[in-house]
Amino acid sequence: MRFLRAVCLTALLCNAAGCAALSTGQAGEPDYASAAETNLQLGDEALERKDFLQAERYYEHVRTKYPYLDVANEAELKLADLDFAQEHYPEAREKFQSFIKLHPTHAKVDYAAYRAALTHFADIPSDFFLLPPSKEKDQTEVVAALASLNDFVRQYPNSQYVPEAKEKLEETRRRLAEHEMYVANFYARRKRWKAVVQRLEGLLKNYPGTELEADALFNLHAAYLELNEPEQAKQTLQRVIERLPGTPAAERARRMMGS
């Protein structure tokens, strides 16, 4: 009976104070605020201090407790961002893509699309001094990043994230060009000149305008000479002049054609 009176008194006091926070009563659970927006903010604060478990609980509370409010959609995005922050890129990508399908007209759909593309970019091979260079590693995620970023720029040309996406596109193109050059050099050391030509022509076609363009063209010229195709070699020098006008590379090509 004494316990029952204590419970009733606690409930009465809580009601009189307005119950600023709602406890779930479970060990380790946070005290949820009465306002959805406040819970979202508390989740953001937990994420900022890298308390991922608490952040997830706040976001899930908002998503499930207030399903008919726009703040629930915001919580869905936050949960995807939470996975991204923990480098759970496939899970984050799935959540961002699900958001796009469920809320195609939402004001932040471009954000979701951009972040979905970034899950590939963030997962591309990195350079670490104890490991082989990134250009020697599998490029699957780099190819996926290039495709998804291109799709984003095409589908959301007016998005505020387009300039940043274009910068990352240049980075992916450079990385893929470096990989193609690496493979071409691998074949050149083994005197597999047809394979060299195939790789370098692919580099020039698929990733034009990178800083490797001059080297790729001159290496291609050398490969055609090794294949005893002087006309193709000469045309390659002409391509240097046309693609890189006014550069030292173009001047070098002119000298080589005149020799």
C-alpha atoms as a PDB file:
ATOM      1  CA  MET A   1       0.000   0.000   0.000  1.00  0.00           C
ATOM      2  CA  ARG A   2       2.876   2.333   0.893  1.00  0.00           C
ATOM      3  CA  PHE A   3       4.470   1.552  -2.483  1.00  0.00           C
ATOM      4  CA  LEU A   4       1.192   2.326  -4.295  1.00  0.00           C
ATOM      5  CA  ARG A   5       0.916   5.724  -2.553  1.00  0.00           C
ATOM      6  CA  ALA A   6       4.514   6.517  -3.580  1.00  0.00           C
ATOM      7  CA  VAL A   7       3.768   5.666  -7.196  1.00  0.00           C
ATOM      8  CA  CYS A   8       0.640   7.841  -7.201  1.00  0.00           C
ATOM      9  CA  LEU A   9       2.518  10.737  -5.621  1.00  0.00           C
ATOM     10  CA  THR A  10       5.275  10.472  -8.221  1.00  0.00           C
ATOM     11  CA  ALA A  11       2.742  10.485 -11.044  1.00  0.00           C
ATOM     12  CA  LEU A  12       0.972  13.514  -9.558  1.00  0.00           C
ATOM     13  CA  LEU A  13       4.218  15.480  -9.228  1.00  0.00           C
ATOM     14  CA  CYS A  14       5.249  14.579 -12.763  1.00  0.00           C
ATOM     15  CA  ASN A  15       1.917  15.768 -14.140  1.00  0.00           C
ATOM     16  CA  ALA A  16       2.121  19.035 -12.195  1.00  0.00           C
ATOM     17  CA  ALA A  17       5.602  19.744 -13.551  1.00  0.00           C
ATOM     18  CA  GLY A  18       4.523  19.106 -17.122  1.00  0.00           C
ATOM     19  CA  CYS A  19       6.822  16.078 -17.487  1.00  0.00           C
ATOM     20  CA  ALA A  20       9.590  17.779 -19.446  1.00  0.00           C
ATOM     21  CA  ALA A  21      11.136  14.401 -20.239  1.00  0.00           C
ATOM     22  CA  LEU A  22       9.685  10.931 -20.646  1.00  0.00           C
ATOM     23  CA  SER A  23      11.717   7.994 -19.356  1.00  0.00           C
ATOM     24  CA  THR A  24      11.372   4.646 -21.104  1.00  0.00           C
ATOM     25  CA  GLY A  25      12.060   2.801 -17.875  1.00  0.00           C
ATOM     26  CA  GLN A  26      14.651   0.536 -19.544  1.00  0.00           C
ATOM     27  CA  ALA A  27      18.244   0.363 -18.343  1.00  0.00           C
ATOM     28  CA  GLY A  28      20.549   2.356 -20.563  1.00  0.00           C
ATOM     29  CA  GLU A  29      17.727   4.114 -22.359  1.00  0.00           C
ATOM     30  CA  PRO A  30      17.786   7.923 -22.602  1.00  0.00           C
ATOM     31  CA  ASP A  31      15.138  10.206 -21.168  1.00  0.00           C
ATOM     32  CA  TYR A  32      13.015  11.195 -24.146  1.00  0.00           C
ATOM     33  CA  ALA A  33      11.796  14.767 -24.340  1.00  0.00           C
ATOM     34  CA  SER A  34       8.114  15.475 -24.855  1.00  0.00           C
ATOM     35  CA  ALA A  35       8.746  17.340 -28.131  1.00  0.00           C
ATOM     36  CA  ALA A  36       9.776  15.414 -31.238  1.00  0.00           C
ATOM     37  CA  GLU A  37      12.108  18.171 -32.409  1.00  0.00           C
ATOM     38  CA  THR A  38      13.898  18.153 -29.062  1.00  0.00           C
ATOM     39  CA  ASN A  39      14.512  14.412 -29.318  1.00  0.00           C
ATOM     40  CA  LEU A  40      15.917  14.935 -32.784  1.00  0.00           C
ATOM     41  CA  GLN A  41      18.269  17.582 -31.429  1.00  0.00           C
ATOM     42  CA  LEU A  42      19.335  15.296 -28.598  1.00  0.00           C
ATOM     43  CA  GLY A  43      20.108  12.647 -31.186  1.00  0.00           C
ATOM     44  CA  ASP A  44      22.212  15.142 -33.111  1.00  0.00           C
ATOM     45  CA  GLU A  45      24.134  15.998 -29.954  1.00  0.00           C
ATOM     46  CA  ALA A  46      24.754  12.312 -29.253  1.00  0.00           C
ATOM     47  CA  LEU A  47      25.966  11.815 -32.821  1.00  0.00           C
ATOM     48  CA  GLU A  48      28.269  14.828 -32.495  1.00  0.00           C
ATOM     49  CA  ARG A  49      29.988  13.248 -29.496  1.00  0.00           C
ATOM     50  CA  LYS A  50      30.029   9.877 -31.312  1.00  0.00           C
ATOM     51  CA  ASP A  51      27.608   8.245 -28.903  1.00  0.00           C
ATOM     52  CA  PHE A  52      26.108   6.257 -31.743  1.00  0.00           C
ATOM     53  CA  LEU A  53      23.876   4.009 -29.641  1.00  0.00           C
ATOM     54  CA  GLN A  54      22.159   6.908 -27.902  1.00  0.00           C
ATOM     55  CA  ALA A  55      21.798   8.782 -31.189  1.00  0.00           C
ATOM     56  CA  GLU A  56      20.121   5.763 -32.760  1.00  0.00           C
ATOM     57  CA  ARG A  57      17.688   5.465 -29.860  1.00  0.00           C
ATOM     58  CA  TYR A  58      16.653   9.115 -30.116  1.00  0.00           C
ATOM     59  CA  TYR A  59      16.195   8.932 -33.887  1.00  0.00           C
ATOM     60  CA  GLU A  60      14.270   5.660 -33.724  1.00  0.00           C
ATOM     61  CA  HIS A  61      12.046   7.126 -31.010  1.00  0.00           C
ATOM     62  CA  VAL A  62      11.161  10.060 -33.246  1.00  0.00           C
ATOM     63  CA  ARG A  63      10.627   7.851 -36.285  1.00  0.00           C
ATOM     64  CA  THR A  64       8.274   5.434 -34.526  1.00  0.00           C
ATOM     65  CA  LYS A  65       6.601   7.787 -32.018  1.00  0.00           C
ATOM     66  CA  TYR A  66       5.709  10.521 -34.501  1.00  0.00           C
ATOM     67  CA  PRO A  67       5.210   8.681 -37.828  1.00  0.00           C
ATOM     68  CA  TYR A  68       2.795  11.259 -39.247  1.00  0.00           C
ATOM     69  CA  LEU A  69       5.002  14.290 -38.639  1.00  0.00           C
ATOM     70  CA  ASP A  70       7.646  15.507 -41.065  1.00  0.00           C
ATOM     71  CA  VAL A  71      10.170  15.190 -38.264  1.00  0.00           C
ATOM     72  CA  ALA A  72       9.836  11.407 -38.622  1.00  0.00           C
ATOM     73  CA  ASN A  73      11.131  11.697 -42.189  1.00  0.00           C
ATOM     74  CA  GLU A  74      14.000  13.782 -40.862  1.00  0.00           C
ATOM     75  CA  ALA A  75      14.753  11.001 -38.391  1.00  0.00           C
ATOM     76  CA  GLU A  76      14.949   8.511 -41.270  1.00  0.00           C
ATOM     77  CA  LEU A  77      17.662  10.626 -42.862  1.00  0.00           C
ATOM     78  CA  LYS A  78      19.448  10.947 -39.537  1.00  0.00           C
ATOM     79  CA  LEU A  79      19.511   7.165 -39.155  1.00  0.00           C
ATOM     80  CA  ALA A  80      21.123   6.889 -42.581  1.00  0.00           C
ATOM     81  CA  ASP A  81      23.640   9.566 -41.610  1.00  0.00           C
ATOM     82  CA  LEU A  82      24.314   7.607 -38.441  1.00  0.00           C
ATOM     83  CA  ASP A  83      25.269   4.523 -40.456  1.00  0.00           C
ATOM     84  CA  PHE A  84      27.453   6.701 -42.681  1.00  0.00           C
ATOM     85  CA  ALA A  85      29.249   8.159 -39.651  1.00  0.00           C
ATOM     86  CA  GLN A  86      30.034   4.616 -38.485  1.00  0.00           C
ATOM     87  CA  GLU A  87      31.326   3.705 -41.964  1.00  0.00           C
ATOM     88  CA  HIS A  88      28.485   1.230 -42.450  1.00  0.00           C
ATOM     89  CA  TYR A  89      28.225   2.312 -46.064  1.00  0.00           C
ATOM     90  CA  PRO A  90      25.994  -0.428 -47.552  1.00  0.00           C
ATOM     91  CA  GLU A  91      23.494   0.033 -44.726  1.00  0.00           C
ATOM     92  CA  ALA A  92      23.556   3.816 -45.115  1.00  0.00           C
ATOM     93  CA  ARG A  93      23.074   3.519 -48.870  1.00  0.00           C
ATOM     94  CA  GLU A  94      20.061   1.254 -48.397  1.00  0.00           C
ATOM     95  CA  LYS A  95      18.466   3.745 -46.000  1.00  0.00           C
ATOM     96  CA  PHE A  96      19.095   6.737 -48.279  1.00  0.00           C
ATOM     97  CA  GLN A  97      17.683   4.878 -51.279  1.00  0.00           C
ATOM     98  CA  SER A  98      14.654   3.782 -49.264  1.00  0.00           C
ATOM     99  CA  PHE A  99      14.049   7.416 -48.289  1.00  0.00           C
ATOM    100  CA  ILE A 100      14.124   8.442 -51.956  1.00  0.00           C
ATOM    101  CA  LYS A 101      11.568   5.776 -52.886  1.00  0.00           C
ATOM    102  CA  LEU A 102       9.242   6.575 -49.986  1.00  0.00           C
ATOM    103  CA  HIS A 103       9.511  10.370 -50.190  1.00  0.00           C
ATOM    104  CA  PRO A 104      10.315  11.305 -53.814  1.00  0.00           C
ATOM    105  CA  THR A 105       8.975  14.860 -53.407  1.00  0.00           C
ATOM    106  CA  HIS A 106      10.578  15.603 -50.041  1.00  0.00           C
ATOM    107  CA  ALA A 107      12.606  18.818 -49.842  1.00  0.00           C
ATOM    108  CA  LYS A 108      15.714  16.846 -48.894  1.00  0.00           C
ATOM    109  CA  VAL A 109      15.474  14.117 -51.513  1.00  0.00           C
ATOM    110  CA  ASP A 110      18.518  15.573 -53.291  1.00  0.00           C
ATOM    111  CA  TYR A 111      20.462  15.335 -50.036  1.00  0.00           C
ATOM    112  CA  ALA A 112      19.524  11.665 -49.742  1.00  0.00           C
ATOM    113  CA  ALA A 113      20.565  11.025 -53.346  1.00  0.00           C
ATOM    114  CA  TYR A 114      23.883  12.790 -52.871  1.00  0.00           C
ATOM    115  CA  ARG A 115      24.646  10.952 -49.657  1.00  0.00           C
ATOM    116  CA  ALA A 116      23.753   7.646 -51.294  1.00  0.00           C
ATOM    117  CA  ALA A 117      26.328   8.395 -53.991  1.00  0.00           C
ATOM    118  CA  LEU A 118      28.861   9.378 -51.336  1.00  0.00           C
ATOM    119  CA  THR A 119      28.611   5.939 -49.735  1.00  0.00           C
ATOM    120  CA  HIS A 120      30.511   4.626 -52.764  1.00  0.00           C
ATOM    121  CA  PHE A 121      32.991   7.505 -52.805  1.00  0.00           C
ATOM    122  CA  ALA A 122      33.751   7.098 -49.090  1.00  0.00           C
ATOM    123  CA  ASP A 123      34.429   3.397 -49.620  1.00  0.00           C
ATOM    124  CA  ILE A 124      37.016   3.732 -52.407  1.00  0.00           C
ATOM    125  CA  PRO A 125      40.516   2.331 -51.746  1.00  0.00           C
ATOM    126  CA  SER A 126      42.802   4.588 -49.752  1.00  0.00           C
ATOM    127  CA  ASP A 127      46.563   5.024 -49.798  1.00  0.00           C
ATOM    128  CA  PHE A 128      48.335   3.688 -46.717  1.00  0.00           C
ATOM    129  CA  PHE A 129      52.097   3.443 -46.584  1.00  0.00           C
ATOM    130  CA  LEU A 130      52.074  -0.200 -45.472  1.00  0.00           C
ATOM    131  CA  LEU A 131      49.737  -1.272 -48.290  1.00  0.00           C
ATOM    132  CA  PRO A 132      49.893  -1.163 -52.101  1.00  0.00           C
ATOM    133  CA  PRO A 133      48.869   2.162 -53.713  1.00  0.00           C
ATOM    134  CA  SER A 134      45.162   2.614 -54.320  1.00  0.00           C
ATOM    135  CA  LYS A 135      45.670   2.503 -58.109  1.00  0.00           C
ATOM    136  CA  GLU A 136      46.781  -1.122 -57.758  1.00  0.00           C
ATOM    137  CA  LYS A 137      43.666  -2.189 -55.863  1.00  0.00           C
ATOM    138  CA  ASP A 138      40.209  -3.256 -56.978  1.00  0.00           C
ATOM    139  CA  GLN A 139      38.363  -0.262 -58.427  1.00  0.00           C
ATOM    140  CA  THR A 140      34.784  -1.524 -58.076  1.00  0.00           C
ATOM    141  CA  GLU A 141      33.760   1.190 -55.613  1.00  0.00           C
ATOM    142  CA  VAL A 142      35.483   3.891 -57.679  1.00  0.00           C
ATOM    143  CA  VAL A 143      33.489   2.844 -60.754  1.00  0.00           C
ATOM    144  CA  ALA A 144      30.306   2.787 -58.661  1.00  0.00           C
ATOM    145  CA  ALA A 145      31.110   6.247 -57.260  1.00  0.00           C
ATOM    146  CA  LEU A 146      31.616   7.635 -60.764  1.00  0.00           C
ATOM    147  CA  ALA A 147      28.302   6.208 -61.977  1.00  0.00           C
ATOM    148  CA  SER A 148      26.277   7.262 -58.930  1.00  0.00           C
ATOM    149  CA  LEU A 149      27.720  10.786 -58.827  1.00  0.00           C
ATOM    150  CA  ASN A 150      27.026  11.196 -62.543  1.00  0.00           C
ATOM    151  CA  ASP A 151      23.454  10.039 -61.962  1.00  0.00           C
ATOM    152  CA  PHE A 152      23.057  12.524 -59.118  1.00  0.00           C
ATOM    153  CA  VAL A 153      24.322  15.485 -61.169  1.00  0.00           C
ATOM    154  CA  ARG A 154      22.041  14.519 -64.050  1.00  0.00           C
ATOM    155  CA  GLN A 155      18.918  14.009 -61.923  1.00  0.00           C
ATOM    156  CA  TYR A 156      19.376  17.002 -59.599  1.00  0.00           C
ATOM    157  CA  PRO A 157      21.186  19.660 -61.683  1.00  0.00           C
ATOM    158  CA  ASN A 158      19.963  22.507 -59.460  1.00  0.00           C
ATOM    159  CA  SER A 159      20.926  20.931 -56.148  1.00  0.00           C
ATOM    160  CA  GLN A 160      23.223  22.832 -53.833  1.00  0.00           C
ATOM    161  CA  TYR A 161      25.357  19.688 -53.648  1.00  0.00           C
ATOM    162  CA  VAL A 162      26.196  19.613 -57.376  1.00  0.00           C
ATOM    163  CA  PRO A 163      29.441  21.660 -57.133  1.00  0.00           C
ATOM    164  CA  GLU A 164      30.806  19.335 -54.466  1.00  0.00           C
ATOM    165  CA  ALA A 165      29.640  16.302 -56.437  1.00  0.00           C
ATOM    166  CA  LYS A 166      31.501  17.543 -59.520  1.00  0.00           C
ATOM    167  CA  GLU A 167      34.700  17.887 -57.513  1.00  0.00           C
ATOM    168  CA  LYS A 168      34.366  14.299 -56.379  1.00  0.00           C
ATOM    169  CA  LEU A 169      33.616  13.237 -59.951  1.00  0.00           C
ATOM    170  CA  GLU A 170      36.966  14.675 -61.025  1.00  0.00           C
ATOM    171  CA  GLU A 171      38.629  12.742 -58.224  1.00  0.00           C
ATOM    172  CA  THR A 172      37.047   9.459 -59.317  1.00  0.00           C
ATOM    173  CA  ARG A 173      38.003  10.069 -62.956  1.00  0.00           C
ATOM    174  CA  ARG A 174      41.585  10.789 -61.934  1.00  0.00           C
ATOM    175  CA  ARG A 175      41.757   7.626 -59.840  1.00  0.00           C
ATOM    176  CA  LEU A 176      40.392   5.473 -62.638  1.00  0.00           C
ATOM    177  CA  ALA A 177      42.806   7.050 -65.117  1.00  0.00           C
ATOM    178  CA  GLU A 178      45.685   6.273 -62.754  1.00  0.00           C
ATOM    179  CA  HIS A 179      44.523   2.674 -62.549  1.00  0.00           C
ATOM    180  CA  GLU A 180      44.374   2.362 -66.341  1.00  0.00           C
ATOM    181  CA  MET A 181      47.875   3.842 -66.607  1.00  0.00           C
ATOM    182  CA  TYR A 182      49.119   1.399 -63.980  1.00  0.00           C
ATOM    183  CA  VAL A 183      47.700  -1.557 -65.907  1.00  0.00           C
ATOM    184  CA  ALA A 184      49.081  -0.222 -69.211  1.00  0.00           C
ATOM    185  CA  ASN A 185      52.548   0.059 -67.660  1.00  0.00           C
ATOM    186  CA  PHE A 186      52.181  -3.473 -66.322  1.00  0.00           C
ATOM    187  CA  TYR A 187      51.563  -4.745 -69.853  1.00  0.00           C
ATOM    188  CA  ALA A 188      54.344  -2.574 -71.304  1.00  0.00           C
ATOM    189  CA  ARG A 189      56.901  -4.183 -68.993  1.00  0.00           C
ATOM    190  CA  ARG A 190      55.817  -7.502 -70.447  1.00  0.00           C
ATOM    191  CA  LYS A 191      55.866  -6.142 -74.016  1.00  0.00           C
ATOM    192  CA  ARG A 192      52.165  -6.859 -74.527  1.00  0.00           C
ATOM    193  CA  TRP A 193      51.727  -3.858 -76.779  1.00  0.00           C
ATOM    194  CA  LYS A 194      48.194  -4.567 -77.998  1.00  0.00           C
ATOM    195  CA  ALA A 195      47.018  -4.679 -74.400  1.00  0.00           C
ATOM    196  CA  VAL A 196      48.879  -1.417 -73.769  1.00  0.00           C
ATOM    197  CA  VAL A 197      47.068   0.234 -76.685  1.00  0.00           C
ATOM    198  CA  GLN A 198      43.707  -1.052 -75.484  1.00  0.00           C
ATOM    199  CA  ARG A 199      44.210   0.310 -71.971  1.00  0.00           C
ATOM    200  CA  LEU A 200      45.537   3.698 -73.056  1.00  0.00           C
ATOM    201  CA  GLU A 201      42.844   4.212 -75.678  1.00  0.00           C
ATOM    202  CA  GLY A 202      40.288   3.375 -72.989  1.00  0.00           C
ATOM    203  CA  LEU A 203      41.870   5.891 -70.621  1.00  0.00           C
ATOM    204  CA  LEU A 204      41.757   8.659 -73.236  1.00  0.00           C
ATOM    205  CA  LYS A 205      38.179   7.860 -74.231  1.00  0.00           C
ATOM    206  CA  ASN A 206      36.642   7.383 -70.805  1.00  0.00           C
ATOM    207  CA  TYR A 207      38.645   9.852 -68.703  1.00  0.00           C
ATOM    208  CA  PRO A 208      39.659  12.753 -70.968  1.00  0.00           C
ATOM    209  CA  GLY A 209      41.199  15.893 -69.563  1.00  0.00           C
ATOM    210  CA  THR A 210      43.033  14.354 -66.614  1.00  0.00           C
ATOM    211  CA  GLU A 211      46.603  15.259 -65.728  1.00  0.00           C
ATOM    212  CA  LEU A 212      47.681  11.913 -67.187  1.00  0.00           C
ATOM    213  CA  GLU A 213      46.538  12.737 -70.721  1.00  0.00           C
ATOM    214  CA  ALA A 214      49.940  13.788 -72.086  1.00  0.00           C
ATOM    215  CA  ASP A 215      51.726  10.742 -70.666  1.00  0.00           C
ATOM    216  CA  ALA A 216      48.985   8.468 -71.959  1.00  0.00           C
ATOM    217  CA  LEU A 217      49.286   9.881 -75.483  1.00  0.00           C
ATOM    218  CA  PHE A 218      53.080   9.648 -75.627  1.00  0.00           C
ATOM    219  CA  ASN A 219      53.004   6.118 -74.212  1.00  0.00           C
ATOM    220  CA  LEU A 220      50.383   5.248 -76.821  1.00  0.00           C
ATOM    221  CA  HIS A 221      52.654   6.649 -79.542  1.00  0.00           C
ATOM    222  CA  ALA A 222      55.479   4.417 -78.300  1.00  0.00           C
ATOM    223  CA  ALA A 223      53.206   1.364 -78.228  1.00  0.00           C
ATOM    224  CA  TYR A 224      52.124   1.904 -81.845  1.00  0.00           C
ATOM    225  CA  LEU A 225      55.780   2.116 -82.868  1.00  0.00           C
ATOM    226  CA  GLU A 226      56.434  -1.183 -81.084  1.00  0.00           C
ATOM    227  CA  LEU A 227      53.550  -2.682 -83.068  1.00  0.00           C
ATOM    228  CA  ASN A 228      55.117  -1.347 -86.283  1.00  0.00           C
ATOM    229  CA  GLU A 229      52.164   0.942 -86.957  1.00  0.00           C
ATOM    230  CA  PRO A 230      53.907   4.235 -87.848  1.00  0.00           C
ATOM    231  CA  GLU A 231      50.779   5.883 -89.239  1.00  0.00           C
ATOM    232  CA  GLN A 232      48.864   5.299 -86.007  1.00  0.00           C
ATOM    233  CA  ALA A 233      51.872   6.582 -84.080  1.00  0.00           C
ATOM    234  CA  LYS A 234      51.932   9.759 -86.196  1.00  0.00           C
ATOM    235  CA  GLN A 235      48.194  10.277 -85.694  1.00  0.00           C
ATOM    236  CA  THR A 236      48.716   9.946 -81.955  1.00  0.00           C
ATOM    237  CA  LEU A 237      51.203  12.830 -82.008  1.00  0.00           C
ATOM    238  CA  GLN A 238      48.641  14.869 -83.918  1.00  0.00           C
ATOM    239  CA  ARG A 239      46.138  14.077 -81.193  1.00  0.00           C
ATOM    240  CA  VAL A 240      48.558  15.514 -78.642  1.00  0.00           C
ATOM    241  CA  ILE A 241      48.638  18.792 -80.581  1.00  0.00           C
ATOM    242  CA  GLU A 242      44.854  18.903 -80.921  1.00  0.00           C
ATOM    243  CA  ARG A 243      43.968  17.869 -77.378  1.00  0.00           C
ATOM    244  CA  LEU A 244      46.656  19.847 -75.561  1.00  0.00           C
ATOM    245  CA  PRO A 245      47.135  23.042 -77.583  1.00  0.00           C
ATOM    246  CA  GLY A 246      49.629  25.592 -76.317  1.00  0.00           C
ATOM    247  CA  THR A 247      51.267  23.168 -73.889  1.00  0.00           C
ATOM    248  CA  PRO A 248      54.838  21.833 -73.668  1.00  0.00           C
ATOM    249  CA  ALA A 249      53.395  18.455 -74.649  1.00  0.00           C
ATOM    250  CA  ALA A 250      52.051  19.888 -77.921  1.00  0.00           C
ATOM    251  CA  GLU A 251      55.426  21.490 -78.678  1.00  0.00           C
ATOM    252  CA  ARG A 252      57.162  18.185 -77.987  1.00  0.00           C
ATOM    253  CA  ALA A 253      54.778  16.398 -80.354  1.00  0.00           C
ATOM    254  CA  ARG A 254      55.528  18.922 -83.120  1.00  0.00           C
ATOM    255  CA  ARG A 255      59.251  18.353 -82.721  1.00  0.00           C
ATOM    256  CA  MET A 256      58.771  14.593 -82.852  1.00  0.00           C
ATOM    257  CA  MET A 257      56.676  14.852 -86.017  1.00  0.00           C
ATOM    258  CA  GLY A 258      59.353  16.999 -87.659  1.00  0.00           C
ATOM    259  CA  SER A 259      62.186  14.656 -86.844  1.00  0.00           C
END
